[in-house]
Amino acid sequence: MTSGVWHNENWNDLAKLNAVEQTQLTQSDVISFHDYGWPESFEARAKALEVYGRPILCTEYMARGAGSTVDGTLPIGKRRNIAMFNWGLVDGKTQTRMPWDSWQRPYTLRPPTVWFHDLLHADGTPYRAREVAIIKALSAAPKGVVPEE
């Protein structure tokens, strides 16, 4: 069982957390969290959660425009043995290629320059071939090992 933390930056210090966050981190069988920031932010949050000695799952990590990318974040998750979930996969009905500002700034005349989540176009071709290559290489590598490019 898990309940994902996302608000606080001091996850390794229970005294600085509210009652809900304390319960999330002390009662979950698997520690889960979201991080949409730069790789440095992701790594700091991952380190903070390792103190609980349980498996870690990142339930959402990619927001390309905010600095969280397959290139920067996924290798850290692999090295630290963190399970990583991608919110979007194929551009389609869920429109997870659209960035957070799409409700204030609809992308009706042209698509966003940088996709938010999705990895593949509707026809199955990659949004970025490099991302698919990275995912394949990380998937084939042994646990905790990030292959060199």
N, C-alpha and C. Protein backbone atom coordinates (compact mmCIF):
# COMPACT_ATOMS: atom_id res chain seq x y z
N MET A 1 0.85 -1.17 0.00
CA MET A 1 0.00 0.00 0.00
C MET A 1 0.90 1.24 0.00
N THR A 2 0.43 2.27 -0.68
CA THR A 2 1.20 3.52 -0.73
C THR A 2 0.27 4.71 -0.85
N SER A 3 0.76 5.83 -0.40
CA SER A 3 0.10 7.12 -0.58
C SER A 3 1.20 8.12 -0.89
N GLY A 4 1.15 8.69 -2.06
CA GLY A 4 2.26 9.50 -2.55
C GLY A 4 2.39 10.87 -1.90
N VAL A 5 3.62 11.21 -1.53
CA VAL A 5 3.92 12.54 -1.01
C VAL A 5 4.31 13.45 -2.17
N TRP A 6 4.07 14.74 -2.01
CA TRP A 6 4.44 15.66 -3.10
C TRP A 6 4.67 17.08 -2.65
N HIS A 7 4.17 17.52 -1.51
CA HIS A 7 4.25 18.93 -1.15
C HIS A 7 5.55 19.36 -0.48
N ASN A 8 6.06 18.60 0.42
CA ASN A 8 7.14 19.04 1.28
C ASN A 8 8.50 18.69 0.71
N GLU A 9 9.49 19.47 1.02
CA GLU A 9 10.86 19.20 0.58
C GLU A 9 11.68 18.49 1.65
N ASN A 10 11.20 18.41 2.88
CA ASN A 10 11.96 17.84 3.99
C ASN A 10 11.47 16.45 4.35
N TRP A 11 11.34 15.58 3.37
CA TRP A 11 10.76 14.28 3.61
C TRP A 11 11.58 13.39 4.52
N ASN A 12 12.86 13.66 4.67
CA ASN A 12 13.69 12.83 5.53
C ASN A 12 13.62 13.25 6.99
N ASP A 13 12.89 14.30 7.32
CA ASP A 13 12.77 14.78 8.70
C ASP A 13 11.29 14.78 9.10
N LEU A 14 10.84 13.71 9.74
CA LEU A 14 9.43 13.57 10.10
C LEU A 14 8.91 14.72 10.95
N ALA A 15 9.77 15.30 11.77
CA ALA A 15 9.34 16.41 12.64
C ALA A 15 8.89 17.63 11.86
N LYS A 16 9.36 17.77 10.62
CA LYS A 16 9.00 18.93 9.80
C LYS A 16 7.78 18.66 8.92
N LEU A 17 7.17 17.50 9.05
CA LEU A 17 6.05 17.12 8.21
C LEU A 17 4.73 17.21 8.96
N ASN A 18 3.64 17.43 8.22
CA ASN A 18 2.33 17.44 8.87
C ASN A 18 1.89 15.99 9.13
N ALA A 19 0.78 15.82 9.82
CA ALA A 19 0.31 14.49 10.22
C ALA A 19 0.03 13.58 9.03
N VAL A 20 -0.52 14.14 7.96
CA VAL A 20 -0.81 13.32 6.77
C VAL A 20 0.50 12.82 6.16
N GLU A 21 1.46 13.71 5.98
CA GLU A 21 2.74 13.32 5.39
C GLU A 21 3.47 12.31 6.27
N GLN A 22 3.42 12.49 7.58
CA GLN A 22 4.04 11.53 8.50
C GLN A 22 3.42 10.14 8.33
N THR A 23 2.09 10.11 8.22
CA THR A 23 1.40 8.84 8.02
C THR A 23 1.77 8.23 6.68
N GLN A 24 1.81 9.05 5.62
CA GLN A 24 2.17 8.55 4.30
C GLN A 24 3.54 7.86 4.32
N LEU A 25 4.50 8.48 4.98
CA LEU A 25 5.86 7.96 4.96
C LEU A 25 6.12 6.83 5.96
N THR A 26 5.39 6.80 7.04
CA THR A 26 5.63 5.75 8.03
C THR A 26 4.75 4.52 7.84
N GLN A 27 3.63 4.67 7.16
CA GLN A 27 2.69 3.55 7.02
C GLN A 27 2.65 2.94 5.63
N SER A 28 3.26 3.54 4.66
CA SER A 28 3.25 2.98 3.30
C SER A 28 4.23 1.83 3.19
N ASP A 29 3.81 0.76 2.50
CA ASP A 29 4.71 -0.37 2.23
C ASP A 29 5.75 0.02 1.19
N VAL A 30 5.32 0.85 0.25
CA VAL A 30 6.18 1.37 -0.81
C VAL A 30 6.07 2.89 -0.74
N ILE A 31 7.19 3.56 -0.71
CA ILE A 31 7.19 5.02 -0.69
C ILE A 31 6.97 5.52 -2.11
N SER A 32 6.00 6.40 -2.29
CA SER A 32 5.75 6.94 -3.63
C SER A 32 5.72 8.46 -3.59
N PHE A 33 6.10 9.05 -4.73
CA PHE A 33 6.18 10.51 -4.80
C PHE A 33 6.08 10.97 -6.24
N HIS A 34 5.86 12.27 -6.41
CA HIS A 34 5.90 12.95 -7.71
C HIS A 34 7.09 13.91 -7.69
N ASP A 35 7.69 14.10 -8.84
CA ASP A 35 8.69 15.16 -8.97
C ASP A 35 8.74 15.59 -10.43
N TYR A 36 8.44 16.85 -10.67
CA TYR A 36 8.45 17.39 -12.02
C TYR A 36 9.59 18.36 -12.26
N GLY A 37 10.57 18.39 -11.37
CA GLY A 37 11.64 19.37 -11.47
C GLY A 37 12.87 18.87 -12.20
N TRP A 38 13.90 19.67 -12.12
CA TRP A 38 15.18 19.36 -12.74
C TRP A 38 15.79 18.12 -12.09
N PRO A 39 16.74 17.46 -12.75
CA PRO A 39 17.35 16.25 -12.20
C PRO A 39 17.91 16.44 -10.78
N GLU A 40 18.46 17.61 -10.50
CA GLU A 40 19.01 17.86 -9.16
C GLU A 40 17.92 17.79 -8.09
N SER A 41 16.76 18.31 -8.41
CA SER A 41 15.61 18.25 -7.49
C SER A 41 15.17 16.81 -7.29
N PHE A 42 15.07 16.09 -8.39
CA PHE A 42 14.66 14.69 -8.30
C PHE A 42 15.63 13.90 -7.42
N GLU A 43 16.91 14.07 -7.65
CA GLU A 43 17.91 13.32 -6.89
C GLU A 43 17.84 13.67 -5.40
N ALA A 44 17.67 14.94 -5.08
CA ALA A 44 17.57 15.34 -3.67
C ALA A 44 16.34 14.71 -3.01
N ARG A 45 15.23 14.72 -3.70
CA ARG A 45 14.00 14.13 -3.15
C ARG A 45 14.17 12.62 -2.99
N ALA A 46 14.79 11.98 -3.97
CA ALA A 46 15.01 10.53 -3.89
C ALA A 46 15.88 10.19 -2.68
N LYS A 47 16.96 10.93 -2.49
CA LYS A 47 17.85 10.70 -1.33
C LYS A 47 17.08 10.86 -0.02
N ALA A 48 16.24 11.87 0.05
CA ALA A 48 15.47 12.12 1.27
C ALA A 48 14.55 10.95 1.60
N LEU A 49 14.03 10.29 0.59
CA LEU A 49 13.10 9.18 0.81
C LEU A 49 13.79 7.86 1.10
N GLU A 50 15.05 7.74 0.74
CA GLU A 50 15.78 6.49 0.97
C GLU A 50 15.96 6.17 2.45
N VAL A 51 15.86 7.19 3.33
CA VAL A 51 16.05 6.95 4.77
C VAL A 51 15.00 6.01 5.35
N TYR A 52 13.88 5.81 4.65
CA TYR A 52 12.81 4.96 5.16
C TYR A 52 13.04 3.48 4.86
N GLY A 53 14.04 3.17 4.05
CA GLY A 53 14.43 1.79 3.81
C GLY A 53 13.40 0.92 3.12
N ARG A 54 12.56 1.54 2.32
CA ARG A 54 11.53 0.78 1.60
C ARG A 54 11.65 1.04 0.11
N PRO A 55 11.04 0.17 -0.70
CA PRO A 55 11.07 0.43 -2.15
C PRO A 55 10.46 1.80 -2.44
N ILE A 56 10.98 2.44 -3.48
CA ILE A 56 10.52 3.79 -3.85
C ILE A 56 9.97 3.76 -5.27
N LEU A 57 8.86 4.45 -5.43
CA LEU A 57 8.16 4.52 -6.71
C LEU A 57 7.87 5.98 -7.03
N CYS A 58 8.35 6.43 -8.17
CA CYS A 58 8.03 7.78 -8.63
C CYS A 58 6.84 7.65 -9.58
N THR A 59 5.68 8.10 -9.11
CA THR A 59 4.44 7.91 -9.86
C THR A 59 4.27 8.91 -11.00
N GLU A 60 4.97 10.01 -10.96
CA GLU A 60 4.97 10.97 -12.06
C GLU A 60 6.30 11.71 -12.02
N TYR A 61 6.93 11.81 -13.19
CA TYR A 61 8.22 12.50 -13.21
C TYR A 61 8.44 13.39 -14.40
N MET A 62 7.70 13.26 -15.45
CA MET A 62 8.11 14.00 -16.64
C MET A 62 7.24 15.22 -16.91
N ALA A 63 7.90 16.35 -16.99
CA ALA A 63 7.32 17.62 -17.42
C ALA A 63 8.45 18.33 -18.15
N ARG A 64 8.61 18.01 -19.41
CA ARG A 64 9.78 18.47 -20.17
C ARG A 64 10.04 19.97 -20.01
N GLY A 65 8.99 20.78 -20.10
CA GLY A 65 9.15 22.23 -20.01
C GLY A 65 9.58 22.72 -18.65
N ALA A 66 9.40 21.89 -17.62
CA ALA A 66 9.80 22.26 -16.26
C ALA A 66 11.16 21.68 -15.89
N GLY A 67 11.80 20.95 -16.82
CA GLY A 67 13.14 20.42 -16.58
C GLY A 67 13.20 18.94 -16.28
N SER A 68 12.06 18.28 -16.17
CA SER A 68 12.04 16.85 -15.89
C SER A 68 11.90 16.09 -17.20
N THR A 69 12.95 15.36 -17.58
CA THR A 69 12.98 14.70 -18.88
C THR A 69 13.43 13.25 -18.76
N VAL A 70 13.21 12.50 -19.81
CA VAL A 70 13.72 11.13 -19.88
C VAL A 70 15.24 11.17 -19.76
N ASP A 71 15.89 12.06 -20.47
CA ASP A 71 17.35 12.15 -20.49
C ASP A 71 17.95 12.43 -19.11
N GLY A 72 17.33 13.36 -18.38
CA GLY A 72 17.91 13.80 -17.11
C GLY A 72 17.45 13.03 -15.90
N THR A 73 16.18 12.64 -15.86
CA THR A 73 15.61 12.05 -14.65
C THR A 73 15.62 10.54 -14.64
N LEU A 74 15.27 9.91 -15.75
CA LEU A 74 15.15 8.46 -15.77
C LEU A 74 16.46 7.74 -15.40
N PRO A 75 17.63 8.20 -15.86
CA PRO A 75 18.87 7.53 -15.43
C PRO A 75 19.11 7.60 -13.91
N ILE A 76 18.68 8.67 -13.28
CA ILE A 76 18.82 8.77 -11.82
C ILE A 76 17.94 7.73 -11.15
N GLY A 77 16.70 7.61 -11.64
CA GLY A 77 15.82 6.59 -11.09
C GLY A 77 16.40 5.20 -11.24
N LYS A 78 16.97 4.90 -12.40
CA LYS A 78 17.59 3.59 -12.63
C LYS A 78 18.74 3.36 -11.67
N ARG A 79 19.63 4.34 -11.54
CA ARG A 79 20.80 4.20 -10.67
C ARG A 79 20.39 3.99 -9.21
N ARG A 80 19.30 4.65 -8.77
CA ARG A 80 18.86 4.58 -7.38
C ARG A 80 17.80 3.50 -7.16
N ASN A 81 17.54 2.68 -8.17
CA ASN A 81 16.55 1.60 -8.07
C ASN A 81 15.16 2.10 -7.72
N ILE A 82 14.76 3.18 -8.34
CA ILE A 82 13.43 3.75 -8.14
C ILE A 82 12.56 3.36 -9.33
N ALA A 83 11.40 2.79 -9.06
CA ALA A 83 10.46 2.48 -10.14
C ALA A 83 9.91 3.80 -10.67
N MET A 84 9.81 3.92 -11.97
CA MET A 84 9.40 5.18 -12.60
C MET A 84 8.18 4.96 -13.48
N PHE A 85 7.16 5.78 -13.27
CA PHE A 85 5.96 5.74 -14.10
C PHE A 85 5.91 6.96 -14.99
N ASN A 86 5.54 6.74 -16.23
CA ASN A 86 5.30 7.82 -17.18
C ASN A 86 3.80 8.07 -17.24
N TRP A 87 3.37 9.27 -17.03
CA TRP A 87 1.93 9.57 -17.03
C TRP A 87 1.34 9.40 -18.42
N GLY A 88 2.01 9.87 -19.43
CA GLY A 88 1.52 9.76 -20.80
C GLY A 88 2.41 8.86 -21.62
N LEU A 89 1.83 8.23 -22.63
CA LEU A 89 2.62 7.37 -23.50
C LEU A 89 2.42 7.77 -24.97
N VAL A 90 1.18 7.69 -25.45
CA VAL A 90 0.88 7.97 -26.85
C VAL A 90 -0.01 9.20 -26.93
N ASP A 91 0.36 10.14 -27.79
CA ASP A 91 -0.45 11.33 -28.01
C ASP A 91 -1.83 10.91 -28.47
N GLY A 92 -2.84 11.34 -27.73
CA GLY A 92 -4.20 10.94 -28.08
C GLY A 92 -5.23 11.66 -27.23
N LYS A 93 -6.27 10.93 -26.84
CA LYS A 93 -7.42 11.51 -26.14
C LYS A 93 -7.05 12.24 -24.86
N THR A 94 -6.10 11.72 -24.10
CA THR A 94 -5.77 12.35 -22.81
C THR A 94 -4.99 13.64 -22.98
N GLN A 95 -4.42 13.85 -24.13
CA GLN A 95 -3.68 15.07 -24.47
C GLN A 95 -2.59 15.42 -23.45
N THR A 96 -1.89 14.42 -22.98
CA THR A 96 -0.83 14.69 -22.00
C THR A 96 0.45 15.23 -22.64
N ARG A 97 0.40 15.52 -23.93
CA ARG A 97 1.52 16.26 -24.54
C ARG A 97 1.37 17.75 -24.23
N MET A 98 0.16 18.16 -23.84
CA MET A 98 -0.11 19.57 -23.56
C MET A 98 0.45 19.99 -22.20
N PRO A 99 1.10 21.13 -22.13
CA PRO A 99 1.65 21.61 -20.86
C PRO A 99 0.57 22.11 -19.90
N TRP A 100 0.98 22.35 -18.66
CA TRP A 100 0.05 22.78 -17.63
C TRP A 100 -0.70 24.06 -17.99
N ASP A 101 -0.08 24.93 -18.76
CA ASP A 101 -0.75 26.20 -19.07
C ASP A 101 -1.80 26.08 -20.17
N SER A 102 -2.10 24.88 -20.63
CA SER A 102 -3.02 24.72 -21.76
C SER A 102 -4.46 25.15 -21.45
N TRP A 103 -4.85 25.25 -20.17
CA TRP A 103 -6.20 25.76 -19.90
C TRP A 103 -6.24 27.28 -19.94
N GLN A 104 -5.11 27.94 -19.76
CA GLN A 104 -5.09 29.40 -19.90
C GLN A 104 -4.67 29.82 -21.31
N ARG A 105 -3.96 28.97 -21.98
CA ARG A 105 -3.44 29.28 -23.31
C ARG A 105 -3.65 28.08 -24.23
N PRO A 106 -4.84 27.91 -24.76
CA PRO A 106 -5.11 26.74 -25.61
C PRO A 106 -4.19 26.70 -26.83
N TYR A 107 -3.73 25.52 -27.13
CA TYR A 107 -2.85 25.31 -28.28
C TYR A 107 -3.69 24.88 -29.48
N THR A 108 -4.55 25.79 -29.96
CA THR A 108 -5.47 25.46 -31.04
C THR A 108 -4.89 25.75 -32.42
N LEU A 109 -4.03 26.73 -32.53
CA LEU A 109 -3.47 27.08 -33.83
C LEU A 109 -2.22 26.28 -34.17
N ARG A 110 -1.45 25.92 -33.15
CA ARG A 110 -0.27 25.07 -33.36
C ARG A 110 0.04 24.33 -32.06
N PRO A 111 0.65 23.18 -32.18
CA PRO A 111 0.94 22.38 -30.98
C PRO A 111 2.04 23.04 -30.14
N PRO A 112 2.18 22.63 -28.89
CA PRO A 112 3.26 23.19 -28.07
C PRO A 112 4.62 22.85 -28.66
N THR A 113 5.56 23.72 -28.48
CA THR A 113 6.91 23.49 -28.99
C THR A 113 7.53 22.26 -28.33
N VAL A 114 7.35 22.17 -27.02
CA VAL A 114 7.88 21.04 -26.25
C VAL A 114 6.70 20.27 -25.67
N TRP A 115 6.64 18.98 -25.96
CA TRP A 115 5.59 18.15 -25.38
C TRP A 115 5.80 18.01 -23.89
N PHE A 116 4.70 17.89 -23.17
CA PHE A 116 4.74 17.74 -21.71
C PHE A 116 5.13 16.31 -21.33
N HIS A 117 4.27 15.32 -21.60
CA HIS A 117 4.52 13.94 -21.18
C HIS A 117 4.75 12.94 -22.30
N ASP A 118 3.85 12.83 -23.23
CA ASP A 118 3.81 11.69 -24.14
C ASP A 118 5.15 11.39 -24.80
N LEU A 119 5.34 10.09 -25.11
CA LEU A 119 6.57 9.62 -25.73
C LEU A 119 6.42 9.33 -27.22
N LEU A 120 5.19 9.00 -27.64
CA LEU A 120 4.98 8.57 -29.02
C LEU A 120 3.88 9.37 -29.69
N HIS A 121 4.02 9.56 -31.00
CA HIS A 121 2.94 10.12 -31.82
C HIS A 121 1.86 9.05 -31.95
N ALA A 122 0.67 9.44 -32.38
CA ALA A 122 -0.44 8.50 -32.53
C ALA A 122 -0.11 7.33 -33.47
N ASP A 123 0.79 7.55 -34.44
CA ASP A 123 1.15 6.47 -35.37
C ASP A 123 2.26 5.57 -34.82
N GLY A 124 2.71 5.83 -33.58
CA GLY A 124 3.72 4.99 -32.94
C GLY A 124 5.15 5.46 -33.11
N THR A 125 5.38 6.51 -33.91
CA THR A 125 6.74 7.02 -34.05
C THR A 125 7.09 7.84 -32.81
N PRO A 126 8.35 7.80 -32.41
CA PRO A 126 8.75 8.53 -31.21
C PRO A 126 8.66 10.04 -31.38
N TYR A 127 8.28 10.73 -30.31
CA TYR A 127 8.38 12.19 -30.25
C TYR A 127 9.86 12.56 -30.37
N ARG A 128 10.70 11.86 -29.59
CA ARG A 128 12.15 12.02 -29.66
C ARG A 128 12.78 10.63 -29.68
N ALA A 129 13.43 10.28 -30.77
CA ALA A 129 14.05 8.96 -30.91
C ALA A 129 15.05 8.70 -29.78
N ARG A 130 15.76 9.75 -29.36
CA ARG A 130 16.76 9.59 -28.29
C ARG A 130 16.12 9.08 -27.01
N GLU A 131 14.91 9.54 -26.69
CA GLU A 131 14.23 9.09 -25.47
C GLU A 131 13.94 7.59 -25.54
N VAL A 132 13.48 7.13 -26.68
CA VAL A 132 13.19 5.70 -26.84
C VAL A 132 14.48 4.89 -26.70
N ALA A 133 15.57 5.38 -27.27
CA ALA A 133 16.86 4.69 -27.15
C ALA A 133 17.31 4.63 -25.69
N ILE A 134 17.12 5.71 -24.95
CA ILE A 134 17.50 5.74 -23.53
C ILE A 134 16.66 4.73 -22.75
N ILE A 135 15.37 4.72 -22.98
CA ILE A 135 14.48 3.78 -22.27
C ILE A 135 14.88 2.34 -22.57
N LYS A 136 15.16 2.03 -23.82
CA LYS A 136 15.58 0.67 -24.18
C LYS A 136 16.89 0.30 -23.50
N ALA A 137 17.85 1.21 -23.50
CA ALA A 137 19.16 0.93 -22.88
C ALA A 137 19.02 0.74 -21.37
N LEU A 138 18.25 1.59 -20.72
CA LEU A 138 18.06 1.47 -19.27
C LEU A 138 17.30 0.20 -18.92
N SER A 139 16.32 -0.16 -19.74
CA SER A 139 15.53 -1.38 -19.49
C SER A 139 16.39 -2.64 -19.62
N ALA A 140 17.35 -2.62 -20.53
CA ALA A 140 18.19 -3.79 -20.76
C ALA A 140 19.34 -3.91 -19.75
N ALA A 141 19.68 -2.82 -19.09
CA ALA A 141 20.81 -2.81 -18.16
C ALA A 141 20.45 -3.49 -16.84
N PRO A 142 21.43 -4.05 -16.16
CA PRO A 142 21.16 -4.65 -14.85
C PRO A 142 20.65 -3.62 -13.84
N LYS A 143 20.04 -4.10 -12.81
CA LYS A 143 19.49 -3.26 -11.75
C LYS A 143 20.56 -2.28 -11.24
N GLY A 144 20.19 -1.01 -11.18
CA GLY A 144 21.07 0.03 -10.65
C GLY A 144 22.17 0.49 -11.57
N VAL A 145 22.25 -0.07 -12.77
CA VAL A 145 23.33 0.28 -13.70
C VAL A 145 22.79 1.17 -14.80
N VAL A 146 23.47 2.31 -15.00
CA VAL A 146 23.14 3.21 -16.09
C VAL A 146 24.24 3.04 -17.14
N PRO A 147 23.88 2.50 -18.31
CA PRO A 147 24.90 2.29 -19.34
C PRO A 147 25.47 3.61 -19.85
N GLU A 148 26.73 3.57 -20.21
CA GLU A 148 27.35 4.76 -20.81
C GLU A 148 26.88 4.91 -22.23
N GLU A 149 26.79 6.15 -22.69
CA GLU A 149 26.32 6.39 -24.06
C GLU A 149 27.37 6.06 -25.07
